[in-house]
Every structure is written in structure tokens, then in C-alpha cells.
Amino acid sequence: MQITKKSTIGDVLDYNRDTAQFFFEMGMHCLGCPSARSETIEQACLVHGTDCDALVNKINEFIANA
């Protein structure tokens, strides 16, 4: 699975639950909330003031090495 900034957080977590650590690092601790799961990575990064491209790259690198 290739993660993009348009990927929903729920889809990313369903694909690989270990990616939760990257969302926790950015201060997103509400991963079980239905509205959080339906947010895109881009939307979450906007709210949490995080570099979206850097996060997507980090997640894709993690998945590639898993």
C-alpha cells in the first residue's frame, strides 16, 4: 500500500497498526475516535501543525522496511 496525504488515518492503521506511533508522535492521541479515523493525513497534519510530506515519507519508509 502506498500512503499519500489523501490516505485516511483509518486505512493506514488498518493496513499496519504499528504506524500508530507516528500519529502519537505528532500529538494525535485520539486514533480510536471515528472522526479521527476518517480524517486524511493531510487534514490531521493541518490541525496538529505537522509537516504532512515528512510524515507520509516516514510512514512509507516504515512500511517498506516492515
PDB file of N, CA and C in Angstrom:
ATOM      1  N   MET A   1       0.858  -1.183   0.000  1.00  0.00           N
ATOM      2  CA  MET A   1       0.000   0.000   0.000  1.00  0.00           C
ATOM      3  C   MET A   1       0.897   1.238   0.000  1.00  0.00           C
ATOM      4  N   GLN A   2       0.645   2.142  -0.891  1.00  0.00           N
ATOM      5  CA  GLN A   2       1.358   3.426  -0.929  1.00  0.00           C
ATOM      6  C   GLN A   2       0.515   4.456  -0.186  1.00  0.00           C
ATOM      7  N   ILE A   3       1.087   5.025   0.843  1.00  0.00           N
ATOM      8  CA  ILE A   3       0.401   6.028   1.644  1.00  0.00           C
ATOM      9  C   ILE A   3       0.607   7.395   0.999  1.00  0.00           C
ATOM     10  N   THR A   4      -0.454   8.175   0.937  1.00  0.00           N
ATOM     11  CA  THR A   4      -0.373   9.546   0.440  1.00  0.00           C
ATOM     12  C   THR A   4      -1.008  10.464   1.476  1.00  0.00           C
ATOM     13  N   LYS A   5      -0.902  11.767   1.247  1.00  0.00           N
ATOM     14  CA  LYS A   5      -1.519  12.694   2.183  1.00  0.00           C
ATOM     15  C   LYS A   5      -3.037  12.629   2.122  1.00  0.00           C
ATOM     16  N   LYS A   6      -3.584  12.014   1.088  1.00  0.00           N
ATOM     17  CA  LYS A   6      -5.037  11.839   0.959  1.00  0.00           C
ATOM     18  C   LYS A   6      -5.524  10.532   1.583  1.00  0.00           C
ATOM     19  N   SER A   7      -4.597   9.690   2.046  1.00  0.00           N
ATOM     20  CA  SER A   7      -4.974   8.436   2.712  1.00  0.00           C
ATOM     21  C   SER A   7      -5.655   8.762   4.039  1.00  0.00           C
ATOM     22  N   THR A   8      -6.682   8.010   4.373  1.00  0.00           N
ATOM     23  CA  THR A   8      -7.314   8.228   5.670  1.00  0.00           C
ATOM     24  C   THR A   8      -6.503   7.529   6.755  1.00  0.00           C
ATOM     25  N   ILE A   9      -6.574   8.090   7.925  1.00  0.00           N
ATOM     26  CA  ILE A   9      -5.847   7.519   9.051  1.00  0.00           C
ATOM     27  C   ILE A   9      -6.347   6.109   9.340  1.00  0.00           C
ATOM     28  N   GLY A  10      -7.634   5.903   9.235  1.00  0.00           N
ATOM     29  CA  GLY A  10      -8.192   4.566   9.448  1.00  0.00           C
ATOM     30  C   GLY A  10      -7.637   3.543   8.485  1.00  0.00           C
ATOM     31  N   ASP A  11      -7.512   3.896   7.211  1.00  0.00           N
ATOM     32  CA  ASP A  11      -6.952   2.969   6.226  1.00  0.00           C
ATOM     33  C   ASP A  11      -5.496   2.639   6.538  1.00  0.00           C
ATOM     34  N   VAL A  12      -4.753   3.650   6.943  1.00  0.00           N
ATOM     35  CA  VAL A  12      -3.337   3.429   7.280  1.00  0.00           C
ATOM     36  C   VAL A  12      -3.225   2.497   8.480  1.00  0.00           C
ATOM     37  N   LEU A  13      -4.005   2.750   9.515  1.00  0.00           N
ATOM     38  CA  LEU A  13      -3.967   1.915  10.711  1.00  0.00           C
ATOM     39  C   LEU A  13      -4.458   0.501  10.433  1.00  0.00           C
ATOM     40  N   ASP A  14      -5.465   0.367   9.591  1.00  0.00           N
ATOM     41  CA  ASP A  14      -5.952  -0.969   9.244  1.00  0.00           C
ATOM     42  C   ASP A  14      -4.895  -1.753   8.475  1.00  0.00           C
ATOM     43  N   TYR A  15      -4.117  -1.051   7.663  1.00  0.00           N
ATOM     44  CA  TYR A  15      -3.063  -1.708   6.881  1.00  0.00           C
ATOM     45  C   TYR A  15      -1.896  -2.128   7.775  1.00  0.00           C
ATOM     46  N   ASN A  16      -1.510  -1.234   8.693  1.00  0.00           N
ATOM     47  CA  ASN A  16      -0.398  -1.546   9.590  1.00  0.00           C
ATOM     48  C   ASN A  16      -0.595  -0.779  10.893  1.00  0.00           C
ATOM     49  N   ARG A  17      -1.034  -1.486  11.923  1.00  0.00           N
ATOM     50  CA  ARG A  17      -1.348  -0.855  13.203  1.00  0.00           C
ATOM     51  C   ARG A  17      -0.124  -0.216  13.862  1.00  0.00           C
ATOM     52  N   ASP A  18       1.060  -0.716  13.509  1.00  0.00           N
ATOM     53  CA  ASP A  18       2.278  -0.174  14.106  1.00  0.00           C
ATOM     54  C   ASP A  18       2.561   1.260  13.662  1.00  0.00           C
ATOM     55  N   THR A  19       1.857   1.741  12.643  1.00  0.00           N
ATOM     56  CA  THR A  19       2.040   3.126  12.210  1.00  0.00           C
ATOM     57  C   THR A  19       1.425   4.108  13.213  1.00  0.00           C
ATOM     58  N   ALA A  20       0.676   3.611  14.165  1.00  0.00           N
ATOM     59  CA  ALA A  20       0.063   4.477  15.183  1.00  0.00           C
ATOM     60  C   ALA A  20       1.113   5.323  15.897  1.00  0.00           C
ATOM     61  N   GLN A  21       2.308   4.780  16.052  1.00  0.00           N
ATOM     62  CA  GLN A  21       3.368   5.513  16.747  1.00  0.00           C
ATOM     63  C   GLN A  21       3.651   6.873  16.101  1.00  0.00           C
ATOM     64  N   PHE A  22       3.528   6.967  14.788  1.00  0.00           N
ATOM     65  CA  PHE A  22       3.817   8.222  14.097  1.00  0.00           C
ATOM     66  C   PHE A  22       2.720   9.267  14.347  1.00  0.00           C
ATOM     67  N   PHE A  23       1.506   8.798  14.494  1.00  0.00           N
ATOM     68  CA  PHE A  23       0.409   9.714  14.821  1.00  0.00           C
ATOM     69  C   PHE A  23       0.505  10.169  16.278  1.00  0.00           C
ATOM     70  N   PHE A  24       0.893   9.249  17.159  1.00  0.00           N
ATOM     71  CA  PHE A  24       1.093   9.618  18.564  1.00  0.00           C
ATOM     72  C   PHE A  24       2.202  10.659  18.693  1.00  0.00           C
ATOM     73  N   GLU A  25       3.292  10.493  17.915  1.00  0.00           N
ATOM     74  CA  GLU A  25       4.423  11.423  17.958  1.00  0.00           C
ATOM     75  C   GLU A  25       3.998  12.849  17.610  1.00  0.00           C
ATOM     76  N   MET A  26       3.003  12.987  16.726  1.00  0.00           N
ATOM     77  CA  MET A  26       2.574  14.325  16.327  1.00  0.00           C
ATOM     78  C   MET A  26       1.491  14.880  17.259  1.00  0.00           C
ATOM     79  N   GLY A  27       1.169  14.131  18.315  1.00  0.00           N
ATOM     80  CA  GLY A  27       0.209  14.599  19.296  1.00  0.00           C
ATOM     81  C   GLY A  27      -1.213  14.166  19.029  1.00  0.00           C
ATOM     82  N   MET A  28      -1.379  13.252  18.109  1.00  0.00           N
ATOM     83  CA  MET A  28      -2.717  12.771  17.776  1.00  0.00           C
ATOM     84  C   MET A  28      -2.991  11.500  18.585  1.00  0.00           C
ATOM     85  N   HIS A  29      -3.658  11.672  19.712  1.00  0.00           N
ATOM     86  CA  HIS A  29      -3.881  10.555  20.631  1.00  0.00           C
ATOM     87  C   HIS A  29      -5.301  10.006  20.567  1.00  0.00           C
ATOM     88  N   CYS A  30      -6.082  10.473  19.621  1.00  0.00           N
ATOM     89  CA  CYS A  30      -7.492  10.071  19.535  1.00  0.00           C
ATOM     90  C   CYS A  30      -7.723   9.119  18.351  1.00  0.00           C
ATOM     91  N   LEU A  31      -6.814   8.185  18.133  1.00  0.00           N
ATOM     92  CA  LEU A  31      -6.879   7.341  16.939  1.00  0.00           C
ATOM     93  C   LEU A  31      -8.101   6.429  16.890  1.00  0.00           C
ATOM     94  N   GLY A  32      -8.679   6.114  18.023  1.00  0.00           N
ATOM     95  CA  GLY A  32      -9.850   5.250  18.040  1.00  0.00           C
ATOM     96  C   GLY A  32     -11.153   5.978  17.757  1.00  0.00           C
ATOM     97  N   CYS A  33     -11.108   7.286  17.742  1.00  0.00           N
ATOM     98  CA  CYS A  33     -12.301   8.090  17.505  1.00  0.00           C
ATOM     99  C   CYS A  33     -12.736   7.950  16.042  1.00  0.00           C
ATOM    100  N   PRO A  34     -14.022   7.715  15.793  1.00  0.00           N
ATOM    101  CA  PRO A  34     -14.487   7.561  14.407  1.00  0.00           C
ATOM    102  C   PRO A  34     -14.151   8.755  13.515  1.00  0.00           C
ATOM    103  N   SER A  35     -14.217   9.960  14.046  1.00  0.00           N
ATOM    104  CA  SER A  35     -13.914  11.103  13.193  1.00  0.00           C
ATOM    105  C   SER A  35     -12.423  11.177  12.875  1.00  0.00           C
ATOM    106  N   ALA A  36     -11.568  10.769  13.809  1.00  0.00           N
ATOM    107  CA  ALA A  36     -10.126  10.767  13.541  1.00  0.00           C
ATOM    108  C   ALA A  36      -9.789   9.735  12.472  1.00  0.00           C
ATOM    109  N   ARG A  37     -10.425   8.600  12.531  1.00  0.00           N
ATOM    110  CA  ARG A  37     -10.135   7.537  11.559  1.00  0.00           C
ATOM    111  C   ARG A  37     -10.528   7.940  10.143  1.00  0.00           C
ATOM    112  N   SER A  38     -11.492   8.829  10.013  1.00  0.00           N
ATOM    113  CA  SER A  38     -11.931   9.220   8.673  1.00  0.00           C
ATOM    114  C   SER A  38     -11.194  10.448   8.142  1.00  0.00           C
ATOM    115  N   GLU A  39     -10.361  11.069   8.980  1.00  0.00           N
ATOM    116  CA  GLU A  39      -9.559  12.207   8.527  1.00  0.00           C
ATOM    117  C   GLU A  39      -8.451  11.722   7.600  1.00  0.00           C
ATOM    118  N   THR A  40      -8.086  12.567   6.650  1.00  0.00           N
ATOM    119  CA  THR A  40      -6.910  12.256   5.846  1.00  0.00           C
ATOM    120  C   THR A  40      -5.668  12.652   6.642  1.00  0.00           C
ATOM    121  N   ILE A  41      -4.537  12.128   6.231  1.00  0.00           N
ATOM    122  CA  ILE A  41      -3.283  12.513   6.871  1.00  0.00           C
ATOM    123  C   ILE A  41      -3.089  14.017   6.728  1.00  0.00           C
ATOM    124  N   GLU A  42      -3.424  14.551   5.583  1.00  0.00           N
ATOM    125  CA  GLU A  42      -3.284  15.980   5.334  1.00  0.00           C
ATOM    126  C   GLU A  42      -4.104  16.804   6.327  1.00  0.00           C
ATOM    127  N   GLN A  43      -5.354  16.401   6.559  1.00  0.00           N
ATOM    128  CA  GLN A  43      -6.218  17.118   7.493  1.00  0.00           C
ATOM    129  C   GLN A  43      -5.658  17.059   8.908  1.00  0.00           C
ATOM    130  N   ALA A  44      -5.196  15.890   9.315  1.00  0.00           N
ATOM    131  CA  ALA A  44      -4.644  15.733  10.661  1.00  0.00           C
ATOM    132  C   ALA A  44      -3.387  16.582  10.843  1.00  0.00           C
ATOM    133  N   CYS A  45      -2.553  16.638   9.828  1.00  0.00           N
ATOM    134  CA  CYS A  45      -1.334  17.429   9.920  1.00  0.00           C
ATOM    135  C   CYS A  45      -1.644  18.917  10.012  1.00  0.00           C
ATOM    136  N   LEU A  46      -2.657  19.350   9.300  1.00  0.00           N
ATOM    137  CA  LEU A  46      -3.059  20.755   9.387  1.00  0.00           C
ATOM    138  C   LEU A  46      -3.473  21.115  10.811  1.00  0.00           C
ATOM    139  N   VAL A  47      -4.281  20.272  11.416  1.00  0.00           N
ATOM    140  CA  VAL A  47      -4.785  20.522  12.761  1.00  0.00           C
ATOM    141  C   VAL A  47      -3.660  20.477  13.797  1.00  0.00           C
ATOM    142  N   HIS A  48      -2.697  19.569  13.590  1.00  0.00           N
ATOM    143  CA  HIS A  48      -1.645  19.354  14.584  1.00  0.00           C
ATOM    144  C   HIS A  48      -0.343  20.074  14.245  1.00  0.00           C
ATOM    145  N   GLY A  49      -0.344  20.859  13.177  1.00  0.00           N
ATOM    146  CA  GLY A  49       0.834  21.644  12.835  1.00  0.00           C
ATOM    147  C   GLY A  49       2.048  20.810  12.471  1.00  0.00           C
ATOM    148  N   THR A  50       1.820  19.736  11.738  1.00  0.00           N
ATOM    149  CA  THR A  50       2.881  18.808  11.371  1.00  0.00           C
ATOM    150  C   THR A  50       3.122  18.854   9.870  1.00  0.00           C
ATOM    151  N   ASP A  51       4.368  18.647   9.467  1.00  0.00           N
ATOM    152  CA  ASP A  51       4.746  18.595   8.055  1.00  0.00           C
ATOM    153  C   ASP A  51       4.184  17.314   7.444  1.00  0.00           C
ATOM    154  N   CYS A  52       3.195  17.462   6.587  1.00  0.00           N
ATOM    155  CA  CYS A  52       2.482  16.331   6.002  1.00  0.00           C
ATOM    156  C   CYS A  52       3.400  15.452   5.143  1.00  0.00           C
ATOM    157  N   ASP A  53       4.183  16.079   4.289  1.00  0.00           N
ATOM    158  CA  ASP A  53       5.061  15.311   3.406  1.00  0.00           C
ATOM    159  C   ASP A  53       6.082  14.502   4.196  1.00  0.00           C
ATOM    160  N   ALA A  54       6.622  15.084   5.247  1.00  0.00           N
ATOM    161  CA  ALA A  54       7.590  14.376   6.085  1.00  0.00           C
ATOM    162  C   ALA A  54       6.941  13.173   6.769  1.00  0.00           C
ATOM    163  N   LEU A  55       5.721  13.352   7.260  1.00  0.00           N
ATOM    164  CA  LEU A  55       5.018  12.254   7.915  1.00  0.00           C
ATOM    165  C   LEU A  55       4.712  11.137   6.929  1.00  0.00           C
ATOM    166  N   VAL A  56       4.224  11.479   5.748  1.00  0.00           N
ATOM    167  CA  VAL A  56       3.918  10.465   4.732  1.00  0.00           C
ATOM    168  C   VAL A  56       5.184   9.695   4.361  1.00  0.00           C
ATOM    169  N   ASN A  57       6.279  10.409   4.182  1.00  0.00           N
ATOM    170  CA  ASN A  57       7.549   9.743   3.845  1.00  0.00           C
ATOM    171  C   ASN A  57       7.991   8.808   4.953  1.00  0.00           C
ATOM    172  N   LYS A  58       7.857   9.243   6.194  1.00  0.00           N
ATOM    173  CA  LYS A  58       8.248   8.424   7.342  1.00  0.00           C
ATOM    174  C   LYS A  58       7.405   7.147   7.409  1.00  0.00           C
ATOM    175  N   ILE A  59       6.100   7.287   7.197  1.00  0.00           N
ATOM    176  CA  ILE A  59       5.211   6.118   7.248  1.00  0.00           C
ATOM    177  C   ILE A  59       5.529   5.160   6.101  1.00  0.00           C
ATOM    178  N   ASN A  60       5.707   5.685   4.901  1.00  0.00           N
ATOM    179  CA  ASN A  60       6.022   4.815   3.755  1.00  0.00           C
ATOM    180  C   ASN A  60       7.344   4.090   3.941  1.00  0.00           C
ATOM    181  N   GLU A  61       8.338   4.780   4.494  1.00  0.00           N
ATOM    182  CA  GLU A  61       9.631   4.141   4.753  1.00  0.00           C
ATOM    183  C   GLU A  61       9.480   3.033   5.781  1.00  0.00           C
ATOM    184  N   PHE A  62       8.702   3.302   6.827  1.00  0.00           N
ATOM    185  CA  PHE A  62       8.465   2.298   7.869  1.00  0.00           C
ATOM    186  C   PHE A  62       7.780   1.065   7.284  1.00  0.00           C
ATOM    187  N   ILE A  63       6.761   1.278   6.467  1.00  0.00           N
ATOM    188  CA  ILE A  63       6.033   0.157   5.873  1.00  0.00           C
ATOM    189  C   ILE A  63       6.934  -0.643   4.937  1.00  0.00           C
ATOM    190  N   ALA A  64       7.761   0.052   4.162  1.00  0.00           N
ATOM    191  CA  ALA A  64       8.658  -0.629   3.225  1.00  0.00           C
ATOM    192  C   ALA A  64       9.669  -1.521   3.958  1.00  0.00           C
ATOM    193  N   ASN A  65      10.042  -1.114   5.169  1.00  0.00           N
ATOM    194  CA  ASN A  65      11.032  -1.869   5.934  1.00  0.00           C
ATOM    195  C   ASN A  65      10.421  -2.859   6.916  1.00  0.00           C
ATOM    196  N   ALA A  66       9.091  -2.883   6.981  1.00  0.00           N
ATOM    197  CA  ALA A  66       8.426  -3.773   7.944  1.00  0.00           C
ATOM    198  C   ALA A  66       8.431  -5.209   7.470  1.00  0.00           C
TER     199      ALA A  66
END
